[in-house]
N, C-alpha and C. Protein backbone atom coordinates (compact mmCIF):
# COMPACT_ATOMS: atom_id res chain seq x y z
N UNK A 1 -224.91 101.87 60.26
CA UNK A 1 -223.84 101.02 59.82
C UNK A 1 -222.50 101.54 60.33
N UNK A 2 -222.39 102.86 60.44
CA UNK A 2 -221.16 103.43 61.00
C UNK A 2 -220.96 102.97 62.44
N UNK A 3 -222.06 102.90 63.20
CA UNK A 3 -221.97 102.46 64.59
C UNK A 3 -221.61 100.97 64.66
N UNK A 4 -222.14 100.17 63.75
CA UNK A 4 -221.79 98.75 63.71
C UNK A 4 -220.31 98.61 63.39
N UNK A 5 -219.83 99.37 62.41
CA UNK A 5 -218.41 99.33 62.03
C UNK A 5 -217.51 99.74 63.20
N UNK A 6 -218.03 100.61 64.07
CA UNK A 6 -217.26 101.07 65.22
C UNK A 6 -217.32 100.07 66.38
N UNK A 7 -218.05 98.97 66.21
CA UNK A 7 -218.11 97.94 67.24
C UNK A 7 -219.26 98.09 68.22
N UNK A 8 -220.27 98.86 67.87
CA UNK A 8 -221.42 99.09 68.74
C UNK A 8 -222.38 97.90 68.65
N UNK A 9 -222.41 97.09 69.69
CA UNK A 9 -223.25 95.89 69.71
C UNK A 9 -224.74 96.23 69.68
N UNK A 10 -225.12 97.33 70.29
CA UNK A 10 -226.54 97.74 70.28
C UNK A 10 -226.98 98.08 68.86
N UNK A 11 -226.09 98.67 68.09
CA UNK A 11 -226.41 99.00 66.69
C UNK A 11 -226.60 97.72 65.88
N UNK A 12 -225.76 96.72 66.15
CA UNK A 12 -225.91 95.43 65.46
C UNK A 12 -227.23 94.78 65.85
N UNK A 13 -227.59 94.86 67.12
CA UNK A 13 -228.86 94.29 67.57
C UNK A 13 -230.04 94.98 66.89
N UNK A 14 -229.96 96.29 66.74
CA UNK A 14 -231.02 97.04 66.05
C UNK A 14 -231.09 96.62 64.59
N UNK A 15 -229.94 96.49 63.96
CA UNK A 15 -229.88 96.05 62.56
C UNK A 15 -230.50 94.65 62.42
N UNK A 16 -230.17 93.77 63.35
CA UNK A 16 -230.70 92.41 63.32
C UNK A 16 -232.22 92.42 63.52
N UNK A 17 -232.68 93.14 64.52
CA UNK A 17 -234.12 93.21 64.78
C UNK A 17 -234.89 93.74 63.58
N UNK A 18 -234.31 94.70 62.90
CA UNK A 18 -234.99 95.33 61.77
C UNK A 18 -235.01 94.45 60.52
N UNK A 19 -233.93 93.71 60.26
CA UNK A 19 -233.80 93.04 58.96
C UNK A 19 -233.68 91.52 59.01
N UNK A 20 -233.62 90.91 60.17
CA UNK A 20 -233.40 89.46 60.24
C UNK A 20 -234.50 88.68 59.53
N UNK A 21 -235.74 89.11 59.68
CA UNK A 21 -236.85 88.39 59.06
C UNK A 21 -236.76 88.41 57.54
N UNK A 22 -236.38 89.55 56.99
CA UNK A 22 -236.25 89.70 55.54
C UNK A 22 -235.09 88.84 55.03
N UNK A 23 -233.97 88.90 55.74
CA UNK A 23 -232.79 88.13 55.34
C UNK A 23 -233.11 86.63 55.40
N UNK A 24 -233.78 86.20 56.47
CA UNK A 24 -234.14 84.79 56.60
C UNK A 24 -235.06 84.35 55.46
N UNK A 25 -236.08 85.15 55.17
CA UNK A 25 -237.04 84.79 54.12
C UNK A 25 -236.35 84.70 52.76
N UNK A 26 -235.45 85.63 52.48
CA UNK A 26 -234.74 85.62 51.21
C UNK A 26 -233.81 84.40 51.13
N UNK A 27 -233.09 84.13 52.21
CA UNK A 27 -232.20 82.96 52.24
C UNK A 27 -232.98 81.66 52.09
N UNK A 28 -234.13 81.58 52.77
CA UNK A 28 -234.97 80.38 52.69
C UNK A 28 -235.47 80.17 51.27
N UNK A 29 -235.82 81.25 50.61
CA UNK A 29 -236.30 81.14 49.23
C UNK A 29 -235.21 80.54 48.33
N UNK A 30 -233.96 80.85 48.59
CA UNK A 30 -232.87 80.36 47.75
C UNK A 30 -232.47 78.94 48.12
N UNK A 31 -232.29 78.67 49.42
CA UNK A 31 -231.77 77.35 49.81
C UNK A 31 -232.85 76.30 50.00
N UNK A 32 -234.08 76.74 50.30
CA UNK A 32 -235.19 75.80 50.42
C UNK A 32 -235.17 74.93 51.66
N UNK A 33 -234.39 75.28 52.66
CA UNK A 33 -234.28 74.49 53.89
C UNK A 33 -234.17 75.45 55.06
N UNK A 34 -235.07 75.30 56.04
CA UNK A 34 -235.10 76.24 57.17
C UNK A 34 -233.80 76.23 57.97
N UNK A 35 -233.27 75.05 58.23
CA UNK A 35 -232.03 74.96 59.00
C UNK A 35 -230.88 75.65 58.30
N UNK A 36 -230.77 75.40 57.02
CA UNK A 36 -229.71 76.01 56.23
C UNK A 36 -229.93 77.52 56.12
N UNK A 37 -231.19 77.95 56.00
CA UNK A 37 -231.50 79.38 55.94
C UNK A 37 -231.11 80.06 57.26
N UNK A 38 -231.30 79.38 58.38
CA UNK A 38 -230.89 79.94 59.67
C UNK A 38 -229.37 80.11 59.74
N UNK A 39 -228.63 79.13 59.18
CA UNK A 39 -227.17 79.25 59.14
C UNK A 39 -226.75 80.42 58.27
N UNK A 40 -227.42 80.59 57.14
CA UNK A 40 -227.12 81.72 56.26
C UNK A 40 -227.40 83.03 57.00
N UNK A 41 -228.54 83.11 57.69
CA UNK A 41 -228.89 84.30 58.46
C UNK A 41 -227.79 84.64 59.46
N UNK A 42 -227.34 83.65 60.21
CA UNK A 42 -226.29 83.89 61.21
C UNK A 42 -225.00 84.37 60.54
N UNK A 43 -224.65 83.75 59.42
CA UNK A 43 -223.42 84.12 58.73
C UNK A 43 -223.51 85.53 58.16
N UNK A 44 -224.68 85.91 57.66
CA UNK A 44 -224.86 87.26 57.11
C UNK A 44 -224.59 88.30 58.19
N UNK A 45 -225.19 88.11 59.37
CA UNK A 45 -225.01 89.13 60.41
C UNK A 45 -223.63 89.04 61.05
N UNK A 46 -223.02 87.88 61.02
CA UNK A 46 -221.63 87.76 61.48
C UNK A 46 -220.72 88.57 60.55
N UNK A 47 -220.94 88.40 59.24
CA UNK A 47 -220.14 89.15 58.27
C UNK A 47 -220.45 90.64 58.34
N UNK A 48 -221.70 90.98 58.57
CA UNK A 48 -222.06 92.40 58.71
C UNK A 48 -221.30 93.00 59.89
N UNK A 49 -221.17 92.26 60.94
CA UNK A 49 -220.45 92.71 62.13
C UNK A 49 -218.96 92.86 61.83
N UNK A 50 -218.40 91.85 61.17
CA UNK A 50 -216.96 91.84 60.90
C UNK A 50 -216.56 92.80 59.78
N UNK A 51 -217.46 93.01 58.81
CA UNK A 51 -217.09 93.78 57.62
C UNK A 51 -218.02 94.97 57.39
N UNK A 52 -218.54 95.54 58.47
CA UNK A 52 -219.45 96.69 58.34
C UNK A 52 -218.77 97.87 57.67
N UNK A 53 -217.46 97.96 57.79
CA UNK A 53 -216.75 99.06 57.14
C UNK A 53 -216.76 98.94 55.62
N UNK A 54 -217.12 97.76 55.08
CA UNK A 54 -217.20 97.57 53.62
C UNK A 54 -218.50 98.14 53.06
N UNK A 55 -219.47 98.41 53.92
CA UNK A 55 -220.75 98.97 53.46
C UNK A 55 -220.52 100.39 52.96
N UNK A 56 -221.10 100.69 51.78
CA UNK A 56 -220.99 102.02 51.20
C UNK A 56 -222.39 102.60 51.06
N UNK A 57 -222.69 103.62 51.81
CA UNK A 57 -224.03 104.21 51.84
C UNK A 57 -224.46 104.72 50.47
N UNK A 58 -223.53 105.16 49.65
CA UNK A 58 -223.87 105.67 48.34
C UNK A 58 -224.35 104.61 47.36
N UNK A 59 -224.13 103.34 47.69
CA UNK A 59 -224.54 102.26 46.79
C UNK A 59 -225.88 101.65 47.16
N UNK A 60 -226.51 102.14 48.20
CA UNK A 60 -227.83 101.62 48.58
C UNK A 60 -228.03 101.59 50.08
N UNK A 61 -229.20 101.16 50.44
CA UNK A 61 -229.57 101.07 51.86
C UNK A 61 -228.90 99.84 52.49
N UNK A 62 -228.83 99.79 53.82
CA UNK A 62 -228.25 98.63 54.48
C UNK A 62 -228.95 97.31 54.10
N UNK A 63 -230.28 97.34 53.90
CA UNK A 63 -230.98 96.11 53.56
C UNK A 63 -230.50 95.58 52.21
N UNK A 64 -230.20 96.47 51.28
CA UNK A 64 -229.71 96.05 49.98
C UNK A 64 -228.37 95.34 50.13
N UNK A 65 -227.50 95.87 50.96
CA UNK A 65 -226.20 95.26 51.21
C UNK A 65 -226.37 93.92 51.90
N UNK A 66 -227.25 93.86 52.90
CA UNK A 66 -227.49 92.60 53.61
C UNK A 66 -228.09 91.55 52.68
N UNK A 67 -229.01 91.94 51.81
CA UNK A 67 -229.60 90.98 50.87
C UNK A 67 -228.57 90.52 49.84
N UNK A 68 -227.64 91.37 49.50
CA UNK A 68 -226.56 90.96 48.59
C UNK A 68 -225.68 89.91 49.27
N UNK A 69 -225.34 90.15 50.53
CA UNK A 69 -224.58 89.15 51.30
C UNK A 69 -225.37 87.84 51.39
N UNK A 70 -226.67 87.95 51.66
CA UNK A 70 -227.52 86.78 51.78
C UNK A 70 -227.53 85.99 50.48
N UNK A 71 -227.72 86.69 49.38
CA UNK A 71 -227.76 86.02 48.08
C UNK A 71 -226.46 85.26 47.82
N UNK A 72 -225.33 85.92 48.03
CA UNK A 72 -224.05 85.28 47.77
C UNK A 72 -223.83 84.07 48.67
N UNK A 73 -224.11 84.20 49.95
CA UNK A 73 -223.91 83.08 50.88
C UNK A 73 -224.87 81.93 50.58
N UNK A 74 -226.12 82.24 50.27
CA UNK A 74 -227.10 81.19 50.00
C UNK A 74 -226.74 80.44 48.72
N UNK A 75 -226.33 81.15 47.70
CA UNK A 75 -225.91 80.50 46.45
C UNK A 75 -224.70 79.61 46.71
N UNK A 76 -223.76 80.09 47.50
CA UNK A 76 -222.60 79.27 47.85
C UNK A 76 -223.03 77.98 48.55
N UNK A 77 -224.00 78.09 49.46
CA UNK A 77 -224.49 76.90 50.16
C UNK A 77 -225.16 75.92 49.20
N UNK A 78 -225.95 76.43 48.27
CA UNK A 78 -226.60 75.56 47.29
C UNK A 78 -225.55 74.84 46.46
N UNK A 79 -224.52 75.56 46.05
CA UNK A 79 -223.45 74.94 45.26
C UNK A 79 -222.70 73.89 46.07
N UNK A 80 -222.43 74.18 47.34
CA UNK A 80 -221.75 73.20 48.20
C UNK A 80 -222.55 71.92 48.31
N UNK A 81 -223.86 72.06 48.48
CA UNK A 81 -224.71 70.88 48.64
C UNK A 81 -224.72 70.05 47.36
N UNK A 82 -224.65 70.68 46.21
CA UNK A 82 -224.61 69.94 44.95
C UNK A 82 -223.30 69.21 44.76
N UNK A 83 -222.20 69.79 45.28
CA UNK A 83 -220.88 69.17 45.10
C UNK A 83 -220.64 68.01 46.04
N UNK A 84 -221.30 68.01 47.19
CA UNK A 84 -221.06 66.95 48.17
C UNK A 84 -221.52 65.61 47.62
N UNK A 85 -220.66 64.61 47.67
CA UNK A 85 -221.10 63.29 47.21
C UNK A 85 -222.13 62.70 48.18
N UNK A 86 -223.13 62.08 47.61
CA UNK A 86 -224.17 61.46 48.42
C UNK A 86 -223.87 59.97 48.55
N UNK A 87 -224.11 59.44 49.71
CA UNK A 87 -223.86 58.02 49.95
C UNK A 87 -224.98 57.21 49.32
N UNK A 88 -224.59 56.26 48.49
CA UNK A 88 -225.57 55.40 47.82
C UNK A 88 -225.57 54.04 48.50
N UNK A 89 -226.73 53.52 48.69
CA UNK A 89 -226.89 52.22 49.33
C UNK A 89 -227.18 51.17 48.26
N UNK A 90 -226.82 49.95 48.52
CA UNK A 90 -227.17 48.86 47.62
C UNK A 90 -225.94 48.32 46.91
N UNK A 91 -226.12 47.19 46.21
CA UNK A 91 -224.99 46.51 45.58
C UNK A 91 -224.41 47.28 44.37
N UNK A 92 -225.24 47.97 43.59
CA UNK A 92 -224.75 48.68 42.40
C UNK A 92 -225.39 50.07 42.35
N UNK A 93 -224.89 51.01 43.13
CA UNK A 93 -225.53 52.32 43.21
C UNK A 93 -225.57 53.07 41.87
N UNK A 94 -224.60 52.83 40.99
CA UNK A 94 -224.61 53.53 39.71
C UNK A 94 -225.80 53.13 38.84
N UNK A 95 -226.35 51.92 39.06
CA UNK A 95 -227.51 51.47 38.28
C UNK A 95 -228.80 52.17 38.71
N UNK A 96 -228.81 52.72 39.91
CA UNK A 96 -230.01 53.40 40.39
C UNK A 96 -230.35 54.62 39.54
N UNK A 97 -229.36 55.26 38.99
CA UNK A 97 -229.59 56.50 38.25
C UNK A 97 -229.78 56.29 36.75
N UNK A 98 -229.59 55.06 36.26
CA UNK A 98 -229.71 54.81 34.82
C UNK A 98 -231.07 55.19 34.26
N UNK A 99 -232.14 54.88 34.95
CA UNK A 99 -233.47 55.14 34.42
C UNK A 99 -234.08 56.45 34.86
N UNK A 100 -233.31 57.29 35.54
CA UNK A 100 -233.85 58.56 36.04
C UNK A 100 -233.56 59.67 35.03
N UNK A 101 -234.63 60.33 34.59
CA UNK A 101 -234.48 61.44 33.66
C UNK A 101 -234.02 62.68 34.40
N UNK A 102 -233.23 63.50 33.74
CA UNK A 102 -232.78 64.76 34.32
C UNK A 102 -233.93 65.75 34.25
N UNK A 103 -234.49 66.12 35.40
CA UNK A 103 -235.63 67.03 35.45
C UNK A 103 -235.20 68.49 35.47
N UNK A 104 -233.89 68.74 35.49
CA UNK A 104 -233.40 70.11 35.53
C UNK A 104 -233.57 70.82 34.20
N UNK A 105 -233.33 72.10 34.20
CA UNK A 105 -233.48 72.88 32.97
C UNK A 105 -232.43 72.49 31.93
N UNK A 106 -232.78 72.67 30.67
CA UNK A 106 -231.85 72.38 29.59
C UNK A 106 -230.83 73.51 29.50
N UNK A 107 -229.81 73.29 28.71
CA UNK A 107 -228.78 74.30 28.51
C UNK A 107 -229.40 75.57 27.91
N UNK A 108 -230.32 75.38 26.97
CA UNK A 108 -230.98 76.53 26.35
C UNK A 108 -231.78 77.33 27.37
N UNK A 109 -232.50 76.61 28.25
CA UNK A 109 -233.28 77.29 29.29
C UNK A 109 -232.37 78.07 30.24
N UNK A 110 -231.25 77.47 30.60
CA UNK A 110 -230.31 78.15 31.50
C UNK A 110 -229.73 79.39 30.82
N UNK A 111 -229.41 79.27 29.53
CA UNK A 111 -228.88 80.42 28.80
C UNK A 111 -229.91 81.54 28.73
N UNK A 112 -231.17 81.16 28.47
CA UNK A 112 -232.24 82.16 28.40
C UNK A 112 -232.43 82.84 29.75
N UNK A 113 -232.42 82.04 30.81
CA UNK A 113 -232.56 82.61 32.16
C UNK A 113 -231.42 83.56 32.48
N UNK A 114 -230.20 83.17 32.08
CA UNK A 114 -229.04 84.03 32.31
C UNK A 114 -229.17 85.36 31.59
N UNK A 115 -229.63 85.31 30.33
CA UNK A 115 -229.82 86.54 29.57
C UNK A 115 -230.92 87.40 30.20
N UNK A 116 -232.01 86.76 30.61
CA UNK A 116 -233.10 87.48 31.25
C UNK A 116 -232.65 88.10 32.56
N UNK A 117 -231.87 87.35 33.32
CA UNK A 117 -231.35 87.86 34.59
C UNK A 117 -230.49 89.09 34.35
N UNK A 118 -229.66 89.06 33.30
CA UNK A 118 -228.83 90.21 32.97
C UNK A 118 -229.65 91.42 32.59
N UNK A 119 -230.70 91.20 31.78
CA UNK A 119 -231.58 92.30 31.38
C UNK A 119 -232.29 92.89 32.60
N UNK A 120 -232.77 92.01 33.48
CA UNK A 120 -233.48 92.47 34.67
C UNK A 120 -232.54 93.25 35.59
N UNK A 121 -231.33 92.76 35.77
CA UNK A 121 -230.36 93.46 36.61
C UNK A 121 -230.06 94.84 36.04
N UNK A 122 -229.89 94.90 34.72
CA UNK A 122 -229.64 96.19 34.08
C UNK A 122 -230.81 97.14 34.22
N UNK A 123 -232.03 96.59 34.06
CA UNK A 123 -233.24 97.42 34.19
C UNK A 123 -233.39 97.91 35.62
N UNK A 124 -233.12 97.06 36.61
CA UNK A 124 -233.21 97.48 38.02
C UNK A 124 -232.22 98.61 38.32
N UNK A 125 -231.06 98.55 37.69
CA UNK A 125 -230.03 99.57 37.94
C UNK A 125 -230.47 100.94 37.44
N UNK A 126 -231.43 100.99 36.53
CA UNK A 126 -231.89 102.29 36.01
C UNK A 126 -232.88 102.97 36.94
N UNK A 127 -233.43 102.22 37.90
CA UNK A 127 -234.43 102.79 38.80
C UNK A 127 -233.77 103.68 39.85
N UNK A 128 -234.48 104.69 40.32
CA UNK A 128 -233.97 105.47 41.46
C UNK A 128 -233.83 104.53 42.67
N UNK A 129 -232.88 104.80 43.56
CA UNK A 129 -232.62 103.90 44.68
C UNK A 129 -233.85 103.53 45.51
N UNK A 130 -234.73 104.47 45.79
CA UNK A 130 -235.91 104.18 46.62
C UNK A 130 -236.84 103.20 45.92
N UNK A 131 -237.02 103.37 44.61
CA UNK A 131 -237.88 102.45 43.86
C UNK A 131 -237.22 101.08 43.74
N UNK A 132 -235.91 101.06 43.49
CA UNK A 132 -235.17 99.80 43.36
C UNK A 132 -235.26 99.01 44.67
N UNK A 133 -235.12 99.72 45.79
CA UNK A 133 -235.19 99.05 47.09
C UNK A 133 -236.58 98.46 47.31
N UNK A 134 -237.63 99.22 47.01
CA UNK A 134 -239.00 98.72 47.21
C UNK A 134 -239.27 97.50 46.33
N UNK A 135 -238.88 97.57 45.07
CA UNK A 135 -239.10 96.44 44.15
C UNK A 135 -238.29 95.22 44.61
N UNK A 136 -237.05 95.43 45.01
CA UNK A 136 -236.21 94.32 45.47
C UNK A 136 -236.78 93.65 46.71
N UNK A 137 -237.23 94.45 47.65
CA UNK A 137 -237.80 93.89 48.88
C UNK A 137 -239.10 93.13 48.59
N UNK A 138 -239.89 93.63 47.65
CA UNK A 138 -241.16 92.97 47.34
C UNK A 138 -240.94 91.67 46.57
N UNK A 139 -240.11 91.71 45.54
CA UNK A 139 -240.01 90.56 44.65
C UNK A 139 -238.86 89.62 44.96
N UNK A 140 -237.81 90.10 45.60
CA UNK A 140 -236.71 89.22 45.95
C UNK A 140 -236.71 88.91 47.44
N UNK A 141 -237.26 89.83 48.24
CA UNK A 141 -237.32 89.62 49.68
C UNK A 141 -238.63 89.02 50.15
N UNK A 142 -239.64 89.03 49.27
CA UNK A 142 -240.93 88.43 49.61
C UNK A 142 -241.74 89.21 50.63
N UNK A 143 -241.48 90.50 50.77
CA UNK A 143 -242.20 91.30 51.75
C UNK A 143 -243.49 91.87 51.15
N UNK A 144 -244.46 92.07 52.02
CA UNK A 144 -245.69 92.75 51.61
C UNK A 144 -245.41 94.25 51.59
N UNK A 145 -246.33 95.00 51.03
CA UNK A 145 -246.15 96.45 50.98
C UNK A 145 -246.07 97.03 52.39
N UNK A 146 -246.90 96.52 53.29
CA UNK A 146 -246.89 97.00 54.67
C UNK A 146 -245.54 96.68 55.34
N UNK A 147 -245.00 95.48 55.10
CA UNK A 147 -243.72 95.11 55.69
C UNK A 147 -242.59 95.98 55.13
N UNK A 148 -242.67 96.30 53.86
CA UNK A 148 -241.66 97.17 53.26
C UNK A 148 -241.73 98.55 53.91
N UNK A 149 -242.95 99.06 54.09
CA UNK A 149 -243.11 100.37 54.73
C UNK A 149 -242.50 100.37 56.13
N UNK A 150 -242.71 99.31 56.89
CA UNK A 150 -242.14 99.22 58.23
C UNK A 150 -240.62 99.10 58.17
N UNK A 151 -240.12 98.33 57.21
CA UNK A 151 -238.68 98.09 57.09
C UNK A 151 -237.92 99.37 56.75
N UNK A 152 -238.44 100.12 55.79
CA UNK A 152 -237.72 101.33 55.36
C UNK A 152 -238.16 102.58 56.09
N UNK A 153 -239.22 102.47 56.89
CA UNK A 153 -239.68 103.62 57.66
C UNK A 153 -240.37 104.68 56.81
N UNK A 154 -241.14 104.22 55.83
CA UNK A 154 -241.86 105.16 54.96
C UNK A 154 -243.36 104.85 55.04
N UNK A 155 -244.20 105.83 54.72
CA UNK A 155 -245.64 105.58 54.74
C UNK A 155 -246.03 104.53 53.68
N UNK A 156 -247.11 103.79 53.98
CA UNK A 156 -247.57 102.75 53.08
C UNK A 156 -247.89 103.30 51.69
N UNK A 157 -248.53 104.44 51.61
CA UNK A 157 -248.86 105.06 50.33
C UNK A 157 -247.61 105.36 49.50
N UNK A 158 -246.55 105.78 50.18
CA UNK A 158 -245.29 106.07 49.49
C UNK A 158 -244.72 104.79 48.89
N UNK A 159 -244.79 103.71 49.64
CA UNK A 159 -244.27 102.42 49.17
C UNK A 159 -245.09 101.95 47.96
N UNK A 160 -246.41 102.09 48.03
CA UNK A 160 -247.26 101.70 46.91
C UNK A 160 -246.89 102.50 45.66
N UNK A 161 -246.65 103.78 45.82
CA UNK A 161 -246.28 104.62 44.70
C UNK A 161 -244.91 104.22 44.14
N UNK A 162 -243.96 103.98 45.03
CA UNK A 162 -242.62 103.57 44.58
C UNK A 162 -242.69 102.26 43.79
N UNK A 163 -243.48 101.31 44.30
CA UNK A 163 -243.61 100.03 43.60
C UNK A 163 -244.26 100.22 42.23
N UNK A 164 -245.34 100.98 42.18
CA UNK A 164 -246.04 101.17 40.91
C UNK A 164 -245.13 101.86 39.90
N UNK A 165 -244.48 102.95 40.32
CA UNK A 165 -243.59 103.67 39.41
C UNK A 165 -242.41 102.80 38.99
N UNK A 166 -241.85 102.08 39.95
CA UNK A 166 -240.72 101.21 39.65
C UNK A 166 -241.08 100.11 38.67
N UNK A 167 -242.23 99.49 38.88
CA UNK A 167 -242.67 98.43 37.97
C UNK A 167 -243.00 98.99 36.59
N UNK A 168 -243.59 100.18 36.54
CA UNK A 168 -243.86 100.81 35.24
C UNK A 168 -242.56 101.07 34.49
N UNK A 169 -241.56 101.60 35.20
CA UNK A 169 -240.27 101.88 34.56
C UNK A 169 -239.58 100.59 34.13
N UNK A 170 -239.67 99.54 34.94
CA UNK A 170 -239.09 98.25 34.56
C UNK A 170 -239.76 97.71 33.30
N UNK A 171 -241.08 97.81 33.25
CA UNK A 171 -241.81 97.31 32.09
C UNK A 171 -241.34 98.03 30.82
N UNK A 172 -241.26 99.35 30.89
CA UNK A 172 -240.83 100.13 29.73
C UNK A 172 -239.39 99.76 29.36
N UNK A 173 -238.53 99.66 30.34
CA UNK A 173 -237.12 99.34 30.11
C UNK A 173 -236.98 97.94 29.49
N UNK A 174 -237.71 96.96 30.02
CA UNK A 174 -237.61 95.60 29.50
C UNK A 174 -238.26 95.46 28.13
N UNK A 175 -239.34 96.20 27.90
CA UNK A 175 -239.95 96.18 26.56
C UNK A 175 -238.97 96.78 25.54
N UNK A 176 -238.26 97.81 25.93
CA UNK A 176 -237.27 98.42 25.05
C UNK A 176 -236.13 97.45 24.76
N UNK A 177 -235.71 96.70 25.79
CA UNK A 177 -234.63 95.72 25.60
C UNK A 177 -235.10 94.60 24.68
N UNK A 178 -236.35 94.19 24.83
CA UNK A 178 -236.89 93.11 23.99
C UNK A 178 -237.01 93.59 22.54
N UNK A 179 -237.47 94.82 22.35
CA UNK A 179 -237.63 95.37 21.00
C UNK A 179 -236.26 95.55 20.35
N UNK A 180 -235.27 95.93 21.13
CA UNK A 180 -233.92 96.10 20.60
C UNK A 180 -233.26 94.79 20.22
N UNK A 181 -233.66 93.70 20.89
CA UNK A 181 -233.09 92.39 20.61
C UNK A 181 -233.71 91.74 19.38
N UNK A 182 -234.92 92.19 18.98
CA UNK A 182 -235.62 91.58 17.86
C UNK A 182 -235.16 92.10 16.52
């Protein structure tokens, strides 16, 4: 990342080769559209190039920073798409929606998800960085254990151990949070 911040194009190419697939998969999972996910991918690496000096090694691995950028950009794209007015055809477009039920989550469901998301974020923060990275890549990045091992440059057995230990610690942490809330 220091070389990218210094303007080294080869370092950016290496970063892209190593993490583009993960970033694309994560963006696609959020936006649900391949074309839009490709735009998010391009924007993530453009921002990585322009703002590489903002990366702080003490806060996590480069993939964690890139996935954070991906998450923020993808969520912004989803919000933009919801705000854009859609063109309605026909004589009375407002009547088209009268009989359509809202299939989205209720306010209570959204509140519950928000609380759960907060608990999960807090529980993830308690994990050691290596375990947090492995769990994040597996469950938020959609990578297999073998892909995680290749991405972080660690043996497959090490990744399996990190995932198992991380998930065990998350379970204990979340059970404690649930017991404390009751």
